[in-house]
C-alpha atoms as a PDB file:
ATOM      1  CA  MET A   1       8.614  -0.091  12.010  1.00  0.00           C
ATOM      2  CA  ASP A   2      11.899   2.279  12.333  1.00  0.00           C
ATOM      3  CA  TYR A   3      12.785   5.117  10.703  1.00  0.00           C
ATOM      4  CA  GLY A   4      15.375   7.911  11.332  1.00  0.00           C
ATOM      5  CA  GLU A   5      18.467   9.367   9.697  1.00  0.00           C
ATOM      6  CA  HIS A   6      21.946   7.820   8.426  1.00  0.00           C
ATOM      7  CA  GLU A   7      24.638  10.039   7.274  1.00  0.00           C
ATOM      8  CA  GLY A   8      21.849  13.271   6.390  1.00  0.00           C
ATOM      9  CA  LYS A   9      19.610  10.464   4.407  1.00  0.00           C
ATOM     10  CA  PRO A  10      16.007   9.817   6.174  1.00  0.00           C
ATOM     11  CA  TYR A  11      15.073   6.166   6.356  1.00  0.00           C
ATOM     12  CA  LEU A  12      12.246   4.117   6.813  1.00  0.00           C
ATOM     13  CA  VAL A  13      12.053   0.382   7.946  1.00  0.00           C
ATOM     14  CA  MET A  14       8.882  -1.686   7.581  1.00  0.00           C
ATOM     15  CA  GLU A  15       8.093  -5.297   8.190  1.00  0.00           C
ATOM     16  CA  TYR A  16       8.026  -7.543   5.086  1.00  0.00           C
ATOM     17  CA  LEU A  17       5.045  -7.775   3.407  1.00  0.00           C
ATOM     18  CA  SER A  18       4.962 -11.097   1.167  1.00  0.00           C
ATOM     19  CA  GLY A  19       1.945 -10.306  -0.745  1.00  0.00           C
ATOM     20  CA  GLY A  20       3.231  -7.707  -3.318  1.00  0.00           C
ATOM     21  CA  THR A  21       1.961  -4.622  -4.229  1.00  0.00           C
ATOM     22  CA  LEU A  22      -1.414  -3.789  -5.896  1.00  0.00           C
ATOM     23  CA  LYS A  23      -0.084  -3.224  -9.255  1.00  0.00           C
ATOM     24  CA  GLN A  24       1.068  -6.988  -9.523  1.00  0.00           C
ATOM     25  CA  LYS A  25      -2.060  -8.116  -8.136  1.00  0.00           C
ATOM     26  CA  LEU A  26      -4.273  -6.352 -10.683  1.00  0.00           C
ATOM     27  CA  GLY A  27      -1.824  -6.416 -13.930  1.00  0.00           C
ATOM     28  CA  LYS A  28      -5.192  -6.039 -15.881  1.00  0.00           C
ATOM     29  CA  PRO A  29      -8.510  -4.415 -15.698  1.00  0.00           C
ATOM     30  CA  ILE A  30     -10.847  -6.266 -12.872  1.00  0.00           C
ATOM     31  CA  PRO A  31     -14.579  -6.602 -12.396  1.00  0.00           C
ATOM     32  CA  TRP A  32     -16.240  -3.453 -10.981  1.00  0.00           C
ATOM     33  CA  ASP A  33     -17.371  -5.496  -7.856  1.00  0.00           C
ATOM     34  CA  GLU A  34     -13.675  -6.661  -7.244  1.00  0.00           C
ATOM     35  CA  ALA A  35     -12.416  -2.799  -7.678  1.00  0.00           C
ATOM     36  CA  ILE A  36     -15.199  -2.071  -5.027  1.00  0.00           C
ATOM     37  CA  SER A  37     -13.885  -4.107  -2.475  1.00  0.00           C
ATOM     38  CA  ILE A  38     -10.160  -3.060  -2.679  1.00  0.00           C
ATOM     39  CA  LEU A  39     -11.277   0.605  -2.178  1.00  0.00           C
ATOM     40  CA  PRO A  40     -12.383   0.742   1.298  1.00  0.00           C
ATOM     41  CA  PRO A  41      -8.905  -0.871   3.245  1.00  0.00           C
ATOM     42  CA  ILE A  42      -7.099   1.606   0.944  1.00  0.00           C
ATOM     43  CA  ALA A  43      -9.321   4.317   1.944  1.00  0.00           C
ATOM     44  CA  ARG A  44      -9.158   3.637   5.743  1.00  0.00           C
ATOM     45  CA  ALA A  45      -5.372   3.313   5.280  1.00  0.00           C
ATOM     46  CA  LEU A  46      -4.740   6.730   4.164  1.00  0.00           C
ATOM     47  CA  ASP A  47      -7.259   8.254   6.652  1.00  0.00           C
ATOM     48  CA  TYR A  48      -5.472   6.854   9.377  1.00  0.00           C
ATOM     49  CA  ALA A  49      -2.134   7.991   8.224  1.00  0.00           C
ATOM     50  CA  HIS A  50      -3.728  11.580   7.674  1.00  0.00           C
ATOM     51  CA  ARG A  51      -5.424  11.508  10.792  1.00  0.00           C
ATOM     52  CA  HIS A  52      -1.939  11.159  12.264  1.00  0.00           C
ATOM     53  CA  ASN A  53      -0.387  14.044  10.362  1.00  0.00           C
ATOM     54  CA  MET A  54       1.601  11.379   7.680  1.00  0.00           C
ATOM     55  CA  ILE A  55       1.517  12.732   4.272  1.00  0.00           C
ATOM     56  CA  HIS A  56       1.824   9.972   1.513  1.00  0.00           C
ATOM     57  CA  ARG A  57       3.108  11.612  -1.651  1.00  0.00           C
ATOM     58  CA  ASP A  58       3.024   8.804  -4.336  1.00  0.00           C
ATOM     59  CA  VAL A  59      -0.446   7.161  -4.080  1.00  0.00           C
ATOM     60  CA  LYS A  60      -0.815   4.612  -6.934  1.00  0.00           C
ATOM     61  CA  PRO A  61      -1.096   0.716  -7.183  1.00  0.00           C
ATOM     62  CA  PRO A  62       2.861   0.276  -7.061  1.00  0.00           C
ATOM     63  CA  THR A  63       3.090   1.839  -3.538  1.00  0.00           C
ATOM     64  CA  PHE A  64       0.148  -0.359  -1.932  1.00  0.00           C
ATOM     65  CA  LEU A  65       1.461  -3.257  -0.270  1.00  0.00           C
ATOM     66  CA  SER A  66      -0.293  -6.683   0.881  1.00  0.00           C
ATOM     67  CA  LEU A  67       0.237  -9.439   3.474  1.00  0.00           C
ATOM     68  CA  ARG A  68      -0.802 -11.828   0.753  1.00  0.00           C
ATOM     69  CA  MET A  69      -2.199 -11.972  -2.768  1.00  0.00           C
ATOM     70  CA  GLU A  70      -4.825 -14.452  -3.733  1.00  0.00           C
ATOM     71  CA  SER A  71      -4.297 -15.833  -7.389  1.00  0.00           C
ATOM     72  CA  ARG A  72      -7.069 -14.487  -9.882  1.00  0.00           C
ATOM     73  CA  CYS A  73      -8.474 -17.033 -12.394  1.00  0.00           C
END
């Protein structure tokens, strides 16, 4: 990961994550037990960011990236 400023504009470079976004995975309502399994990793990631003085100002399904997505039946 890299970050900086170019011509007065900030940038952030991240590893490409092929799994897509949480919004793409969901697409429609999911069973409560599946929803519960998704929440702990998101909570841990936000906790980690906050403990390192990072603030995410746009927390919503399209902003959560995944390494891979399992297809849902």
